């Protein structure tokens, strides 16, 4: 693989030239100085308030469209089969369920997007992906605010409607400026709240290094949570690494990290929103650690359900986050055979992924893992790139997977030795569960565990 050495010790393929652009359809979605291009009904006056659009909504209206604002000047096109992402920030003086549509702007107003969403009193990000079902040059965006007994005010900001057509899924990502360092990682939060000698050591060795942020059912608004991570990374011109970890029945074998979305339908809604929230910005996503490794602990019916969900998830990232490299998790070398894993990857449709990930939250060395990855590729129709989690593999695997003693940090943010990327996917210092070297639940940061990982 031709490569070029870059800042932060990162090495990337020389062919990685940058992410493809998408087409923005909304005009003046940031409301810096005016509400130009936006209209509202006479009973719903709008104005600029601290760089946001403010709408004063009357009470007592009968239908949602009886109080409304939107944009159709200029009108914009919607094309059948194109993929779109509508995203915006919103808050209100009281919790309200509202409606948004993208529709043809003359009667009978057929819509290609018609979705309810709930705003609260704190600003949140919303992201909605959809496929164009209309072919029209006269489309409009609406926010329908009525059908509430009492009046309220609502604010919108950073409204965007992107046509992703023309971007190619798996477009090259430039890592010239390196990977994003999470300023709100568990280690960094602990360091900032607990100054002292231990914190100094953890800060230098762990908290200031690039690592992934994990997303799951603990995020009450997944679009907002993703925005809070990807937005600052994009502004800093760094590439973020995210882990999607919300599949129903997750960690079926280990049990310490059980949970996930409650139903298949809930997961599909969650993962589509996850992808739409990333949008056209470059990112790396590790998709559902353990999800294929867990097969031997699941019934055939549950396996079939999981296959459907992973197939759906891969399609959503392809459709709505085309500049994201998605790595479908493939377990580790101690968890089943390479042949079995290749069959599972094929069954799920790894062709729709950029590649696969190995050793997530485990300890096998990079040298041990690469032959396993090569053997998996021998069983696939075409070779796929792979990433290795090196967050805790500096001393190799012990006799147990759950907070084993004697483990050490591995190398950070690099390409080499046959892997596309070496990443810290597991957050170093986060417990695997109440076992061995930690008495804290899975996912909680244990400073004593972190100190023991530092060489």
Protein backbone atom coordinates (compact mmCIF):
# COMPACT_ATOMS: atom_id res chain seq x y z
CA UNK A 1 0.00 0.00 0.00
CA UNK A 2 1.62 3.35 -1.01
CA UNK A 3 1.67 5.64 1.97
CA UNK A 4 2.84 9.02 3.16
CA UNK A 5 3.99 9.86 6.69
CA UNK A 6 1.93 12.64 8.21
CA UNK A 7 1.48 14.59 11.42
CA UNK A 8 0.76 12.83 14.74
CA UNK A 9 2.48 9.70 13.50
CA UNK A 10 -0.48 8.95 11.23
CA UNK A 11 0.18 7.17 7.96
CA UNK A 12 -2.46 7.09 5.24
CA UNK A 13 -2.73 5.95 1.63
CA UNK A 14 -1.35 8.55 -0.77
CA UNK A 15 -4.53 8.15 -2.84
CA UNK A 16 -6.72 9.55 -0.02
CA UNK A 17 -7.59 12.88 -1.60
CA UNK A 18 -10.57 14.06 0.44
CA UNK A 19 -14.31 13.56 0.75
CA UNK A 20 -16.78 14.18 -2.05
CA UNK A 21 -19.16 17.12 -1.75
CA UNK A 22 -22.96 17.04 -1.58
CA UNK A 23 -25.49 19.64 -2.77
CA UNK A 24 -27.03 21.99 -0.19
CA UNK A 25 -30.61 22.96 -1.08
CA UNK A 26 -31.50 25.32 1.79
CA UNK A 27 -30.65 29.00 1.53
CA UNK A 28 -29.82 31.00 4.66
CA UNK A 29 -30.11 28.14 7.12
CA UNK A 30 -27.96 29.87 9.75
CA UNK A 31 -30.00 33.09 10.22
CA UNK A 32 -26.93 35.17 11.01
CA UNK A 33 -28.57 38.47 10.08
CA UNK A 34 -32.02 37.90 8.57
CA UNK A 35 -34.84 35.47 7.75
CA UNK A 36 -34.39 36.02 4.00
CA UNK A 37 -35.73 33.10 1.90
CA UNK A 38 -38.04 31.98 4.74
CA UNK A 39 -41.81 32.56 4.93
CA UNK A 40 -44.42 32.01 7.63
CA UNK A 41 -48.17 32.24 7.98
CA UNK A 42 -49.53 35.57 9.21
CA UNK A 43 -50.38 34.09 12.62
CA UNK A 44 -46.81 32.76 13.07
CA UNK A 45 -44.45 35.77 12.95
CA UNK A 46 -40.75 35.00 12.54
CA UNK A 47 -37.67 37.03 13.38
CA UNK A 48 -33.94 36.68 14.00
CA UNK A 49 -33.08 36.15 17.66
CA UNK A 50 -29.39 35.81 18.52
CA UNK A 51 -28.58 34.22 15.17
CA UNK A 52 -31.57 31.86 15.21
CA UNK A 53 -34.98 31.94 13.59
CA UNK A 54 -37.64 32.55 16.24
CA UNK A 55 -41.29 31.78 15.56
CA UNK A 56 -44.13 32.85 17.87
CA UNK A 57 -46.82 30.19 17.60
CA UNK A 58 -50.46 30.83 18.60
CA UNK A 59 -52.43 28.37 20.70
CA UNK A 60 -55.76 26.82 19.83
CA UNK A 61 -55.10 25.92 16.19
CA UNK A 62 -56.89 22.85 14.85
CA UNK A 63 -54.22 21.38 12.56
CA UNK A 64 -50.44 21.35 12.54
CA UNK A 65 -50.38 23.31 9.27
CA UNK A 66 -52.48 26.10 10.80
CA UNK A 67 -49.22 27.53 12.18
CA UNK A 68 -46.31 27.06 9.82
CA UNK A 69 -43.05 28.35 8.38
CA UNK A 70 -40.88 27.12 5.57
CA UNK A 71 -38.79 27.80 2.49
CA UNK A 72 -39.71 27.63 -1.19
CA UNK A 73 -38.23 30.86 -2.56
CA UNK A 74 -36.31 29.88 -4.47
CA UNK A 75 -37.96 26.50 -4.94
CA UNK A 76 -35.55 23.59 -5.09
CA UNK A 77 -35.63 20.28 -6.96
CA UNK A 78 -36.31 16.85 -5.51
CA UNK A 79 -35.45 13.81 -7.62
CA UNK A 80 -36.82 10.31 -7.39
CA UNK A 81 -34.28 7.88 -6.01
CA UNK A 82 -31.87 10.51 -4.66
CA UNK A 83 -30.89 10.29 -0.97
CA UNK A 84 -31.42 13.36 1.20
CA UNK A 85 -30.54 14.41 4.73
CA UNK A 86 -32.55 17.11 6.50
CA UNK A 87 -30.87 18.36 9.67
CA UNK A 88 -31.53 21.26 12.02
CA UNK A 89 -31.27 22.52 15.60
CA UNK A 90 -34.46 23.30 17.52
CA UNK A 91 -35.74 24.24 20.96
CA UNK A 92 -38.98 25.70 22.35
CA UNK A 93 -40.36 27.34 25.47
CA UNK A 94 -42.25 24.10 26.19
CA UNK A 95 -42.00 20.53 24.95
CA UNK A 96 -43.94 20.21 21.71
CA UNK A 97 -44.41 17.59 19.01
CA UNK A 98 -43.96 19.24 15.59
CA UNK A 99 -44.03 18.12 12.00
CA UNK A 100 -41.64 18.68 9.11
CA UNK A 101 -42.24 17.96 5.43
CA UNK A 102 -40.44 18.16 2.14
CA UNK A 103 -43.16 18.37 -0.48
CA UNK A 104 -44.28 19.69 -3.85
CA UNK A 105 -45.36 23.27 -3.14
CA UNK A 106 -48.74 23.29 -4.87
CA UNK A 107 -51.97 21.42 -4.08
CA UNK A 108 -52.42 18.63 -3.19
CA UNK A 109 -48.90 19.00 -1.69
CA UNK A 110 -47.60 15.43 -2.11
CA UNK A 111 -44.68 14.85 0.25
CA UNK A 112 -41.46 12.87 0.05
CA UNK A 113 -40.71 13.46 3.75
CA UNK A 114 -43.39 13.73 6.43
CA UNK A 115 -42.04 13.24 9.94
CA UNK A 116 -43.00 14.14 13.49
CA UNK A 117 -40.31 15.23 15.95
CA UNK A 118 -40.38 16.42 19.55
CA UNK A 119 -38.56 19.55 20.70
CA UNK A 120 -37.75 20.38 24.31
CA UNK A 121 -36.55 23.46 26.11
CA UNK A 122 -32.87 22.66 25.43
CA UNK A 123 -31.49 22.99 21.92
CA UNK A 124 -31.08 19.63 20.20
CA UNK A 125 -29.90 18.46 16.80
CA UNK A 126 -32.25 16.52 14.53
CA UNK A 127 -31.24 14.54 11.43
CA UNK A 128 -33.67 12.81 9.07
CA UNK A 129 -32.64 10.70 6.11
CA UNK A 130 -35.04 9.93 3.27
CA UNK A 131 -35.18 8.80 -0.34
CA UNK A 132 -36.81 11.05 -2.91
CA UNK A 133 -40.18 9.70 -4.05
CA UNK A 134 -41.09 12.77 -6.14
CA UNK A 135 -39.68 14.27 -9.29
CA UNK A 136 -40.28 18.01 -9.04
CA UNK A 137 -38.50 21.29 -9.55
CA UNK A 138 -40.95 23.03 -7.18
CA UNK A 139 -40.26 21.55 -3.76
CA UNK A 140 -40.55 23.24 -0.38
CA UNK A 141 -39.52 22.59 3.19
CA UNK A 142 -42.05 23.19 5.95
CA UNK A 143 -42.10 23.16 9.72
CA UNK A 144 -45.70 22.72 10.88
CA UNK A 145 -46.17 24.00 14.42
CA UNK A 146 -49.90 24.05 15.18
CA UNK A 147 -52.41 21.78 16.93
CA UNK A 148 -51.43 22.80 20.48
CA UNK A 149 -53.85 24.30 23.02
CA UNK A 150 -51.48 27.00 24.28
CA UNK A 151 -49.07 29.28 22.49
CA UNK A 152 -45.28 28.98 22.65
CA UNK A 153 -42.12 30.12 20.90
CA UNK A 154 -39.74 27.90 18.95
CA UNK A 155 -36.24 28.52 17.61
CA UNK A 156 -34.52 26.90 14.60
CA UNK A 157 -30.89 27.10 13.51
CA UNK A 158 -28.38 25.43 11.19
CA UNK A 159 -31.10 24.13 8.88
CA UNK A 160 -29.68 22.02 6.08
CA UNK A 161 -31.18 19.87 3.33
CA UNK A 162 -28.51 17.97 1.44
CA UNK A 163 -28.84 15.96 -1.75
CA UNK A 164 -26.13 13.30 -1.46
CA UNK A 165 -26.35 12.37 -5.16
CA UNK A 166 -22.93 12.47 -6.80
CA UNK A 167 -21.05 11.35 -3.73
CA UNK A 168 -19.68 7.84 -3.90
CA UNK A 169 -19.99 5.61 -0.86
CA UNK A 170 -16.54 4.93 0.54
CA UNK A 171 -15.04 8.06 -0.98
CA UNK A 172 -11.39 8.57 -0.03
CA UNK A 173 -10.89 10.27 3.33
CA UNK A 174 -7.98 12.62 3.89
CA UNK A 175 -6.17 12.02 7.16
CA UNK A 176 -3.59 14.69 6.41
CA UNK A 177 -4.43 16.53 9.63
CA UNK A 178 -4.81 13.36 11.68
CA UNK A 179 -7.47 11.82 13.89
CA UNK A 180 -9.74 13.68 16.27
CA UNK A 181 -8.81 13.69 19.95
CA UNK A 182 -12.03 13.47 21.97
CA UNK A 183 -12.06 16.35 24.48
CA UNK A 184 -14.91 14.68 26.36
CA UNK A 185 -13.66 11.11 26.53
CA UNK A 186 -14.05 9.29 29.83
CA UNK A 187 -10.31 9.55 30.56
CA UNK A 188 -10.25 13.28 29.78
CA UNK A 189 -13.29 14.01 31.95
CA UNK A 190 -11.72 12.11 34.83
CA UNK A 191 -8.39 13.89 34.41
CA UNK A 192 -10.04 17.32 34.37
CA UNK A 193 -12.03 16.52 37.52
CA UNK A 194 -9.23 14.85 39.49
CA UNK A 195 -5.98 16.83 39.26
CA UNK A 196 -2.91 15.18 40.68
CA UNK A 197 -0.03 12.86 39.88
CA UNK A 198 -2.26 10.03 38.66
CA UNK A 199 -4.22 12.41 36.44
CA UNK A 200 -1.02 13.81 34.94
CA UNK A 201 0.10 10.33 33.95
CA UNK A 202 -3.29 9.37 32.49
CA UNK A 203 -3.51 12.67 30.60
CA UNK A 204 -0.10 12.24 28.97
CA UNK A 205 -0.46 8.58 28.05
CA UNK A 206 -4.19 8.24 27.31
CA UNK A 207 -6.48 11.28 27.48
CA UNK A 208 -4.58 13.31 24.86
CA UNK A 209 -4.56 10.51 22.27
CA UNK A 210 -7.09 9.85 19.48
CA UNK A 211 -9.71 7.28 20.43
CA UNK A 212 -13.24 6.31 19.45
CA UNK A 213 -16.43 7.52 21.08
CA UNK A 214 -19.14 4.89 21.61
CA UNK A 215 -22.84 5.52 20.93
CA UNK A 216 -25.80 3.45 22.13
CA UNK A 217 -29.07 3.49 24.01
CA UNK A 218 -27.56 5.73 26.69
CA UNK A 219 -27.78 8.60 24.16
CA UNK A 220 -31.26 10.07 24.51
CA UNK A 221 -31.00 11.89 21.16
CA UNK A 222 -28.61 10.07 18.85
CA UNK A 223 -28.59 12.84 16.23
CA UNK A 224 -27.59 15.40 18.84
CA UNK A 225 -24.97 13.08 20.36
CA UNK A 226 -23.36 12.41 16.98
CA UNK A 227 -23.40 16.11 16.12
CA UNK A 228 -21.67 16.97 19.41
CA UNK A 229 -18.76 14.74 18.33
CA UNK A 230 -18.60 14.97 14.55
CA UNK A 231 -19.29 18.71 14.39
CA UNK A 232 -16.21 19.78 16.39
CA UNK A 233 -14.08 17.17 14.61
CA UNK A 234 -15.12 18.54 11.23
CA UNK A 235 -14.47 22.11 12.37
CA UNK A 236 -10.98 21.06 13.47
CA UNK A 237 -10.41 19.26 10.14
CA UNK A 238 -9.76 15.98 11.94
CA UNK A 239 -11.30 12.58 11.28
CA UNK A 240 -13.44 11.19 14.15
CA UNK A 241 -13.90 7.52 15.01
CA UNK A 242 -17.35 6.45 16.19
CA UNK A 243 -18.64 3.11 17.44
CA UNK A 244 -22.28 2.16 16.79
CA UNK A 245 -23.19 -0.16 19.68
CA UNK A 246 -26.93 -0.47 20.03
CA UNK A 247 -28.01 -3.69 18.35
CA UNK A 248 -30.71 -5.55 20.32
CA UNK A 249 -29.34 -8.36 22.44
CA UNK A 250 -25.78 -7.06 22.20
CA UNK A 251 -22.99 -8.92 24.04
CA UNK A 252 -25.03 -12.11 23.99
CA UNK A 253 -21.98 -14.19 24.93
CA UNK A 254 -20.17 -11.95 27.41
CA UNK A 255 -23.23 -10.51 29.12
CA UNK A 256 -21.49 -7.57 30.81
CA UNK A 257 -22.61 -5.04 28.14
CA UNK A 258 -26.07 -6.40 27.39
CA UNK A 259 -28.88 -4.17 26.19
CA UNK A 260 -29.30 -2.23 22.98
CA UNK A 261 -32.36 -0.98 21.14
CA UNK A 262 -35.53 -2.69 22.30
CA UNK A 263 -36.75 -3.92 18.92
CA UNK A 264 -35.61 -4.39 15.34
CA UNK A 265 -37.74 -1.42 14.26
CA UNK A 266 -36.26 0.78 16.99
CA UNK A 267 -32.75 -0.18 15.94
CA UNK A 268 -33.42 0.58 12.29
CA UNK A 269 -34.74 4.03 13.20
CA UNK A 270 -31.73 4.61 15.46
CA UNK A 271 -29.07 3.59 12.97
CA UNK A 272 -30.65 5.55 10.11
CA UNK A 273 -30.60 8.64 12.31
CA UNK A 274 -26.99 7.88 13.28
CA UNK A 275 -25.96 7.82 9.62
CA UNK A 276 -27.98 10.91 8.72
CA UNK A 277 -26.43 12.83 11.62
CA UNK A 278 -22.95 12.22 10.19
CA UNK A 279 -24.18 13.22 6.75
CA UNK A 280 -21.54 14.12 4.19
CA UNK A 281 -18.78 14.76 6.72
CA UNK A 282 -15.83 12.33 6.75
CA UNK A 283 -15.81 9.84 9.61
CA UNK A 284 -14.83 6.31 10.59
CA UNK A 285 -17.49 4.03 12.09
CA UNK A 286 -16.93 0.68 13.79
CA UNK A 287 -20.27 -1.08 13.38
CA UNK A 288 -21.60 -3.17 16.25
CA UNK A 289 -18.70 -4.85 18.06
CA UNK A 290 -19.39 -8.51 18.96
CA UNK A 291 -22.44 -8.67 16.69
CA UNK A 292 -21.07 -11.46 14.49
CA UNK A 293 -18.90 -13.10 17.14
CA UNK A 294 -22.02 -13.58 19.27
CA UNK A 295 -23.68 -15.90 16.75
CA UNK A 296 -22.82 -19.08 18.65
CA UNK A 297 -24.74 -17.72 21.66
CA UNK A 298 -27.90 -16.94 19.65
CA UNK A 299 -30.80 -18.94 18.25
CA UNK A 300 -31.10 -19.20 14.45
CA UNK A 301 -34.11 -16.86 14.60
CA UNK A 302 -32.09 -14.24 16.50
CA UNK A 303 -29.23 -14.65 14.05
CA UNK A 304 -31.59 -13.97 11.13
CA UNK A 305 -32.91 -10.87 12.88
CA UNK A 306 -29.39 -9.61 13.49
CA UNK A 307 -28.42 -10.20 9.86
CA UNK A 308 -31.37 -8.08 8.71
CA UNK A 309 -30.43 -5.26 11.07
CA UNK A 310 -26.78 -5.22 10.04
CA UNK A 311 -27.71 -5.33 6.35
CA UNK A 312 -30.01 -2.37 6.93
CA UNK A 313 -27.35 -0.48 8.88
CA UNK A 314 -24.76 -0.86 6.14
CA UNK A 315 -27.22 0.43 3.57
CA UNK A 316 -28.03 3.49 5.69
CA UNK A 317 -24.40 4.53 5.96
CA UNK A 318 -23.95 3.95 2.24
CA UNK A 319 -27.02 6.06 1.45
CA UNK A 320 -26.85 8.87 4.00
CA UNK A 321 -23.20 9.04 5.14
CA UNK A 322 -21.34 8.41 1.88
CA UNK A 323 -18.05 9.90 3.11
CA UNK A 324 -17.92 7.54 6.10
CA UNK A 325 -15.72 4.47 6.15
CA UNK A 326 -17.73 1.74 7.91
CA UNK A 327 -15.93 -1.27 9.35
CA UNK A 328 -18.25 -4.17 10.19
CA UNK A 329 -16.95 -5.86 13.32
CA UNK A 330 -15.54 -9.36 12.85
CA UNK A 331 -14.61 -10.35 16.40
CA UNK A 332 -11.08 -11.50 17.20
CA UNK A 333 -8.73 -14.40 16.51
CA UNK A 334 -9.77 -16.23 19.67
CA UNK A 335 -13.46 -16.17 18.82
CA UNK A 336 -14.34 -18.73 16.15
CA UNK A 337 -12.60 -19.59 12.90
CA UNK A 338 -11.69 -17.23 10.07
CA UNK A 339 -13.83 -19.33 7.73
CA UNK A 340 -16.92 -18.93 9.94
CA UNK A 341 -16.36 -15.19 10.23
CA UNK A 342 -15.94 -14.82 6.47
CA UNK A 343 -19.27 -16.62 5.97
CA UNK A 344 -20.99 -14.32 8.47
CA UNK A 345 -19.50 -11.19 6.89
CA UNK A 346 -20.67 -12.38 3.47
CA UNK A 347 -24.14 -13.16 4.78
CA UNK A 348 -24.52 -9.65 6.19
CA UNK A 349 -23.24 -8.03 3.01
CA UNK A 350 -19.73 -6.83 3.81
CA UNK A 351 -19.52 -5.58 0.23
CA UNK A 352 -21.53 -2.56 1.42
CA UNK A 353 -18.92 -1.85 4.12
CA UNK A 354 -15.57 -0.21 3.59
CA UNK A 355 -13.99 -3.06 5.52
CA UNK A 356 -14.06 -4.98 8.79
CA UNK A 357 -12.69 -4.46 12.30
CA UNK A 358 -10.86 -6.91 14.56
CA UNK A 359 -9.80 -7.20 18.20
CA UNK A 360 -12.28 -4.58 19.46
CA UNK A 361 -12.05 -4.52 23.27
CA UNK A 362 -9.63 -7.44 23.17
CA UNK A 363 -5.90 -7.93 23.65
CA UNK A 364 -4.41 -9.96 20.81
CA UNK A 365 -1.29 -8.40 19.33
CA UNK A 366 -1.28 -6.82 15.92
CA UNK A 367 1.16 -9.48 14.69
CA UNK A 368 -1.25 -12.22 15.83
CA UNK A 369 -4.30 -10.51 14.34
CA UNK A 370 -3.04 -9.82 10.82
CA UNK A 371 -2.85 -13.50 9.75
CA UNK A 372 -6.40 -13.97 11.06
CA UNK A 373 -7.54 -10.98 8.97
CA UNK A 374 -5.77 -12.38 5.91
CA UNK A 375 -7.51 -15.73 6.44
CA UNK A 376 -10.88 -13.96 6.64
CA UNK A 377 -10.12 -12.22 3.36
CA UNK A 378 -9.28 -15.60 1.81
CA UNK A 379 -12.92 -16.55 2.47
CA UNK A 380 -14.47 -13.38 1.00
CA UNK A 381 -15.37 -12.78 -2.63
CA UNK A 382 -12.98 -9.80 -2.65
CA UNK A 383 -10.41 -8.61 -0.14
CA UNK A 384 -11.56 -5.89 2.23
CA UNK A 385 -9.36 -3.52 4.24
CA UNK A 386 -9.41 -3.99 7.99
CA UNK A 387 -8.63 -2.08 11.17
CA UNK A 388 -7.27 -3.45 14.44
CA UNK A 389 -8.10 -2.19 17.91
CA UNK A 390 -4.71 -1.62 19.55
CA UNK A 391 -5.97 0.15 22.66
CA UNK A 392 -4.91 -2.65 25.01
CA UNK A 393 -2.84 -5.07 22.95
CA UNK A 394 0.66 -3.88 23.87
CA UNK A 395 1.37 -7.01 25.95
CA UNK A 396 -0.81 -9.47 24.05
CA UNK A 397 -3.73 -11.50 25.34
CA UNK A 398 -3.93 -13.02 28.80
CA UNK A 399 -5.97 -16.01 29.89
CA UNK A 400 -9.22 -14.04 30.14
CA UNK A 401 -10.93 -11.30 28.16
CA UNK A 402 -12.47 -9.42 31.12
CA UNK A 403 -10.07 -6.83 32.62
CA UNK A 404 -7.15 -9.27 32.67
CA UNK A 405 -4.02 -8.32 34.62
CA UNK A 406 -0.76 -7.33 32.97
CA UNK A 407 -2.18 -5.76 29.79
CA UNK A 408 -0.65 -2.63 28.24
CA UNK A 409 -1.51 0.14 25.76
CA UNK A 410 -0.79 -0.49 22.09
CA UNK A 411 0.24 1.92 19.32
CA UNK A 412 -2.13 4.70 18.32
CA UNK A 413 -3.55 6.00 15.04
CA UNK A 414 -1.36 4.37 12.43
CA UNK A 415 -1.41 2.30 9.26
CA UNK A 416 1.05 -0.50 8.69
CA UNK A 417 1.84 -4.17 8.75
CA UNK A 418 -1.05 -5.05 6.45
CA UNK A 419 -3.81 -3.24 8.37
CA UNK A 420 -5.45 -0.15 6.94
CA UNK A 421 -5.61 1.53 10.36
CA UNK A 422 -4.52 0.78 13.90
CA UNK A 423 -6.95 2.55 16.23
CA UNK A 424 -7.87 2.85 19.86
CA UNK A 425 -11.46 1.63 19.57
CA UNK A 426 -11.99 0.55 23.17
CA UNK A 427 -11.44 3.54 25.46
CA UNK A 428 -8.38 2.67 27.57
CA UNK A 429 -9.35 2.53 31.22
CA UNK A 430 -13.01 1.77 30.56
CA UNK A 431 -13.96 -1.36 32.47
CA UNK A 432 -15.12 -4.55 30.77
CA UNK A 433 -17.34 -5.22 33.78
CA UNK A 434 -17.05 -6.24 37.41
CA UNK A 435 -14.25 -8.77 37.03
CA UNK A 436 -10.54 -9.26 37.69
CA UNK A 437 -8.74 -5.88 37.68
CA UNK A 438 -11.86 -3.69 37.99
CA UNK A 439 -14.84 -3.50 40.33
CA UNK A 440 -16.73 -1.04 38.10
CA UNK A 441 -19.54 -1.86 35.62
CA UNK A 442 -18.83 -2.16 31.91
CA UNK A 443 -18.19 1.17 30.20
CA UNK A 444 -17.24 3.10 33.34
CA UNK A 445 -13.78 4.64 33.53
CA UNK A 446 -11.50 3.09 36.15
CA UNK A 447 -8.40 5.23 36.77
CA UNK A 448 -6.61 2.37 38.50
CA UNK A 449 -7.18 0.16 35.49
CA UNK A 450 -5.91 2.97 33.23
CA UNK A 451 -2.72 3.39 35.25
CA UNK A 452 -1.99 -0.32 34.96
CA UNK A 453 -2.25 -0.07 31.15
CA UNK A 454 0.50 2.56 30.91
CA UNK A 455 3.86 0.91 30.03
